[in-house]
């Protein structure tokens, strides 16, 4: 697993937990990363123990990207949700599963506000993450919405 994929997975988990709440954002990001992310990073072989979290270059890069995309997504949430609403005419954001909704938000943030990441990479990453965290329909749903987002951007 790449560092960026790991950061995106953690960002999805954070966004799932907060689901649009931006209060005390820096504190919540730090707490989430230092508590929840440790176990996930250990499980995926990025660190061996919690003490390694702040000592390894890889985890610093993961945290920086994780933090950047979480903040960017939440700061631009209204615009991102508007894009989703305009594309998914038959699905309101509230009707979408919490995983799909937040994965779309994260991915559309990257498509619109992080142009340095190739759009096909954003879609591929989102589909793979949807396979891991979503339901059976999530990958196709995510792919369709993101493909449409690229065309209307």
C-alpha atoms as a PDB file:
ATOM      1  CA  UNK A   1       0.000   0.000   0.000  1.00  0.00           C
ATOM      2  CA  UNK A   2       1.310   3.435  -0.890  1.00  0.00           C
ATOM      3  CA  UNK A   3       1.648   6.251   1.624  1.00  0.00           C
ATOM      4  CA  UNK A   4      -0.932   8.318  -0.253  1.00  0.00           C
ATOM      5  CA  UNK A   5      -3.438   5.446  -0.311  1.00  0.00           C
ATOM      6  CA  UNK A   6      -2.975   5.048   3.429  1.00  0.00           C
ATOM      7  CA  UNK A   7      -3.486   8.788   3.948  1.00  0.00           C
ATOM      8  CA  UNK A   8      -6.664   8.682   1.839  1.00  0.00           C
ATOM      9  CA  UNK A   9      -8.015   5.715   3.801  1.00  0.00           C
ATOM     10  CA  UNK A  10      -7.347   7.489   7.078  1.00  0.00           C
ATOM     11  CA  UNK A  11      -8.910  10.670   5.710  1.00  0.00           C
ATOM     12  CA  UNK A  12     -12.042   8.736   4.753  1.00  0.00           C
ATOM     13  CA  UNK A  13     -12.232   7.240   8.233  1.00  0.00           C
ATOM     14  CA  UNK A  14     -11.812  10.684   9.799  1.00  0.00           C
ATOM     15  CA  UNK A  15     -14.434  12.230   7.523  1.00  0.00           C
ATOM     16  CA  UNK A  16     -16.781   9.328   8.246  1.00  0.00           C
ATOM     17  CA  UNK A  17     -16.407   9.971  11.951  1.00  0.00           C
ATOM     18  CA  UNK A  18     -16.873  13.739  11.726  1.00  0.00           C
ATOM     19  CA  UNK A  19     -19.265  13.811   8.716  1.00  0.00           C
ATOM     20  CA  UNK A  20     -18.907  17.506   7.999  1.00  0.00           C
ATOM     21  CA  UNK A  21     -18.183  18.872  11.480  1.00  0.00           C
ATOM     22  CA  UNK A  22     -15.278  21.339  11.306  1.00  0.00           C
ATOM     23  CA  UNK A  23     -15.239  22.470  14.933  1.00  0.00           C
ATOM     24  CA  UNK A  24     -11.867  22.048  16.711  1.00  0.00           C
ATOM     25  CA  UNK A  25     -10.452  20.630  13.490  1.00  0.00           C
ATOM     26  CA  UNK A  26      -6.735  20.750  14.299  1.00  0.00           C
ATOM     27  CA  UNK A  27      -7.322  19.118  17.681  1.00  0.00           C
ATOM     28  CA  UNK A  28      -9.540  16.389  16.182  1.00  0.00           C
ATOM     29  CA  UNK A  29      -7.046  15.663  13.407  1.00  0.00           C
ATOM     30  CA  UNK A  30      -4.181  15.353  15.865  1.00  0.00           C
ATOM     31  CA  UNK A  31      -6.194  13.210  18.286  1.00  0.00           C
ATOM     32  CA  UNK A  32      -7.441  10.923  15.501  1.00  0.00           C
ATOM     33  CA  UNK A  33      -3.982  10.484  14.023  1.00  0.00           C
ATOM     34  CA  UNK A  34      -2.243   9.864  17.339  1.00  0.00           C
ATOM     35  CA  UNK A  35      -4.906   7.473  18.606  1.00  0.00           C
ATOM     36  CA  UNK A  36      -6.854   5.703  15.876  1.00  0.00           C
ATOM     37  CA  UNK A  37      -4.318   5.916  13.040  1.00  0.00           C
ATOM     38  CA  UNK A  38      -1.597   4.247  15.086  1.00  0.00           C
ATOM     39  CA  UNK A  39      -3.325   0.868  15.013  1.00  0.00           C
ATOM     40  CA  UNK A  40      -4.048   1.159  11.316  1.00  0.00           C
ATOM     41  CA  UNK A  41      -0.457   2.147  10.534  1.00  0.00           C
ATOM     42  CA  UNK A  42       0.817  -0.784  12.609  1.00  0.00           C
ATOM     43  CA  UNK A  43      -1.535  -3.228  10.904  1.00  0.00           C
ATOM     44  CA  UNK A  44      -0.346  -2.082   7.455  1.00  0.00           C
ATOM     45  CA  UNK A  45       3.345  -2.220   8.397  1.00  0.00           C
ATOM     46  CA  UNK A  46       4.175   1.490   8.385  1.00  0.00           C
ATOM     47  CA  UNK A  47       5.198   1.423  12.058  1.00  0.00           C
ATOM     48  CA  UNK A  48       5.937  -1.255  14.650  1.00  0.00           C
ATOM     49  CA  UNK A  49       4.939   0.685  17.759  1.00  0.00           C
ATOM     50  CA  UNK A  50       3.266   3.968  18.699  1.00  0.00           C
ATOM     51  CA  UNK A  51       6.685   5.399  19.508  1.00  0.00           C
ATOM     52  CA  UNK A  52       7.584   5.143  15.800  1.00  0.00           C
ATOM     53  CA  UNK A  53       4.749   7.471  14.792  1.00  0.00           C
ATOM     54  CA  UNK A  54       6.727  10.701  15.038  1.00  0.00           C
ATOM     55  CA  UNK A  55      10.126   9.224  14.194  1.00  0.00           C
ATOM     56  CA  UNK A  56       9.606   7.941  10.652  1.00  0.00           C
ATOM     57  CA  UNK A  57       9.644   9.995   7.483  1.00  0.00           C
ATOM     58  CA  UNK A  58       6.907   7.822   5.957  1.00  0.00           C
ATOM     59  CA  UNK A  59       4.455   8.551   8.748  1.00  0.00           C
ATOM     60  CA  UNK A  60       5.219  12.278   8.579  1.00  0.00           C
ATOM     61  CA  UNK A  61       4.403  12.226   4.858  1.00  0.00           C
ATOM     62  CA  UNK A  62       1.211  10.263   5.514  1.00  0.00           C
ATOM     63  CA  UNK A  63       0.156  12.705   8.227  1.00  0.00           C
ATOM     64  CA  UNK A  64       0.895  15.755   6.080  1.00  0.00           C
ATOM     65  CA  UNK A  65      -1.156  14.462   3.145  1.00  0.00           C
ATOM     66  CA  UNK A  66      -3.929  13.143   5.429  1.00  0.00           C
ATOM     67  CA  UNK A  67      -4.169  16.471   7.236  1.00  0.00           C
ATOM     68  CA  UNK A  68      -4.084  18.475   4.008  1.00  0.00           C
ATOM     69  CA  UNK A  69      -6.879  16.572   2.286  1.00  0.00           C
ATOM     70  CA  UNK A  70      -9.069  16.445   5.402  1.00  0.00           C
ATOM     71  CA  UNK A  71      -8.778  20.186   5.979  1.00  0.00           C
ATOM     72  CA  UNK A  72      -9.218  20.958   2.292  1.00  0.00           C
ATOM     73  CA  UNK A  73     -12.300  18.780   2.071  1.00  0.00           C
ATOM     74  CA  UNK A  74     -13.952  20.236   5.154  1.00  0.00           C
ATOM     75  CA  UNK A  75     -13.069  23.849   4.368  1.00  0.00           C
ATOM     76  CA  UNK A  76     -14.530  23.494   0.864  1.00  0.00           C
ATOM     77  CA  UNK A  77     -17.424  21.256   1.873  1.00  0.00           C
ATOM     78  CA  UNK A  78     -20.239  23.505   0.617  1.00  0.00           C
ATOM     79  CA  UNK A  79     -18.769  23.769  -2.866  1.00  0.00           C
ATOM     80  CA  UNK A  80     -17.959  20.042  -2.948  1.00  0.00           C
ATOM     81  CA  UNK A  81     -21.477  19.098  -1.820  1.00  0.00           C
ATOM     82  CA  UNK A  82     -22.909  21.396  -4.508  1.00  0.00           C
ATOM     83  CA  UNK A  83     -20.889  19.554  -7.154  1.00  0.00           C
ATOM     84  CA  UNK A  84     -22.174  16.218  -5.841  1.00  0.00           C
ATOM     85  CA  UNK A  85     -25.788  17.493  -5.792  1.00  0.00           C
ATOM     86  CA  UNK A  86     -25.528  18.725  -9.379  1.00  0.00           C
ATOM     87  CA  UNK A  87     -24.176  15.394 -10.615  1.00  0.00           C
ATOM     88  CA  UNK A  88     -26.205  12.912  -8.586  1.00  0.00           C
ATOM     89  CA  UNK A  89     -29.670  14.148  -9.441  1.00  0.00           C
ATOM     90  CA  UNK A  90     -31.396  10.954  -8.291  1.00  0.00           C
ATOM     91  CA  UNK A  91     -29.443  10.652  -5.038  1.00  0.00           C
ATOM     92  CA  UNK A  92     -29.455  13.331  -2.377  1.00  0.00           C
ATOM     93  CA  UNK A  93     -26.286  13.531  -0.326  1.00  0.00           C
ATOM     94  CA  UNK A  94     -28.283  12.582   2.755  1.00  0.00           C
ATOM     95  CA  UNK A  95     -29.459   9.335   1.077  1.00  0.00           C
ATOM     96  CA  UNK A  96     -25.937   8.226   0.212  1.00  0.00           C
ATOM     97  CA  UNK A  97     -24.176   5.902   2.587  1.00  0.00           C
ATOM     98  CA  UNK A  98     -21.847   7.722   4.938  1.00  0.00           C
ATOM     99  CA  UNK A  99     -18.851   5.953   3.351  1.00  0.00           C
ATOM    100  CA  UNK A 100     -19.845   6.848  -0.218  1.00  0.00           C
ATOM    101  CA  UNK A 101     -20.702  10.445   0.691  1.00  0.00           C
ATOM    102  CA  UNK A 102     -17.393  11.086   2.408  1.00  0.00           C
ATOM    103  CA  UNK A 103     -15.319   9.235  -0.178  1.00  0.00           C
ATOM    104  CA  UNK A 104     -16.937  11.366  -2.890  1.00  0.00           C
ATOM    105  CA  UNK A 105     -16.240  14.524  -0.889  1.00  0.00           C
ATOM    106  CA  UNK A 106     -12.611  13.584  -0.425  1.00  0.00           C
ATOM    107  CA  UNK A 107     -12.135  12.646  -4.069  1.00  0.00           C
ATOM    108  CA  UNK A 108     -13.919  15.683  -5.482  1.00  0.00           C
ATOM    109  CA  UNK A 109     -11.744  17.848  -3.263  1.00  0.00           C
ATOM    110  CA  UNK A 110      -8.685  16.339  -4.943  1.00  0.00           C
ATOM    111  CA  UNK A 111     -10.185  16.695  -8.430  1.00  0.00           C
ATOM    112  CA  UNK A 112     -11.081  20.368  -7.989  1.00  0.00           C
ATOM    113  CA  UNK A 113      -8.561  21.728  -5.505  1.00  0.00           C
ATOM    114  CA  UNK A 114      -5.498  19.477  -5.892  1.00  0.00           C
ATOM    115  CA  UNK A 115      -4.813  19.525  -9.638  1.00  0.00           C
ATOM    116  CA  UNK A 116      -1.312  18.099  -9.133  1.00  0.00           C
ATOM    117  CA  UNK A 117      -2.886  14.676  -8.618  1.00  0.00           C
ATOM    118  CA  UNK A 118      -3.900  13.149 -11.968  1.00  0.00           C
ATOM    119  CA  UNK A 119      -7.659  12.751 -12.117  1.00  0.00           C
ATOM    120  CA  UNK A 120      -7.466   9.112 -13.205  1.00  0.00           C
ATOM    121  CA  UNK A 121      -5.361   8.406 -10.091  1.00  0.00           C
ATOM    122  CA  UNK A 122      -8.012  10.034  -7.892  1.00  0.00           C
ATOM    123  CA  UNK A 123     -10.738   7.878  -9.452  1.00  0.00           C
ATOM    124  CA  UNK A 124      -8.700   4.666  -9.259  1.00  0.00           C
ATOM    125  CA  UNK A 125      -7.792   5.289  -5.631  1.00  0.00           C
ATOM    126  CA  UNK A 126     -11.409   6.087  -4.738  1.00  0.00           C
ATOM    127  CA  UNK A 127     -12.706   2.930  -6.429  1.00  0.00           C
ATOM    128  CA  UNK A 128     -10.132   0.764  -4.614  1.00  0.00           C
ATOM    129  CA  UNK A 129     -10.981   2.377  -1.283  1.00  0.00           C
ATOM    130  CA  UNK A 130     -14.699   1.897  -2.020  1.00  0.00           C
ATOM    131  CA  UNK A 131     -14.038  -1.815  -2.562  1.00  0.00           C
ATOM    132  CA  UNK A 132     -12.443  -2.010   0.866  1.00  0.00           C
ATOM    133  CA  UNK A 133     -14.829   0.159   2.898  1.00  0.00           C
ATOM    134  CA  UNK A 134     -18.069   0.424   0.909  1.00  0.00           C
ATOM    135  CA  UNK A 135     -20.803  -1.984  -0.065  1.00  0.00           C
ATOM    136  CA  UNK A 136     -21.047  -4.028  -3.266  1.00  0.00           C
ATOM    137  CA  UNK A 137     -22.480  -1.101  -5.260  1.00  0.00           C
ATOM    138  CA  UNK A 138     -20.030   1.511  -3.937  1.00  0.00           C
ATOM    139  CA  UNK A 139     -17.203   1.093  -6.477  1.00  0.00           C
ATOM    140  CA  UNK A 140     -19.482   1.554  -9.521  1.00  0.00           C
ATOM    141  CA  UNK A 141     -21.377   4.412  -7.848  1.00  0.00           C
ATOM    142  CA  UNK A 142     -18.165   6.221  -6.881  1.00  0.00           C
ATOM    143  CA  UNK A 143     -16.676   5.665 -10.342  1.00  0.00           C
ATOM    144  CA  UNK A 144     -19.772   7.065 -12.068  1.00  0.00           C
ATOM    145  CA  UNK A 145     -20.048  10.194  -9.935  1.00  0.00           C
ATOM    146  CA  UNK A 146     -16.316  10.971 -10.144  1.00  0.00           C
ATOM    147  CA  UNK A 147     -16.237  10.393 -13.905  1.00  0.00           C
ATOM    148  CA  UNK A 148     -19.110  12.883 -14.249  1.00  0.00           C
ATOM    149  CA  UNK A 149     -17.340  15.327 -11.903  1.00  0.00           C
ATOM    150  CA  UNK A 150     -14.278  15.345 -14.139  1.00  0.00           C
ATOM    151  CA  UNK A 151     -16.407  16.070 -17.201  1.00  0.00           C
ATOM    152  CA  UNK A 152     -18.227  19.026 -15.617  1.00  0.00           C
ATOM    153  CA  UNK A 153     -15.243  20.519 -13.815  1.00  0.00           C
END
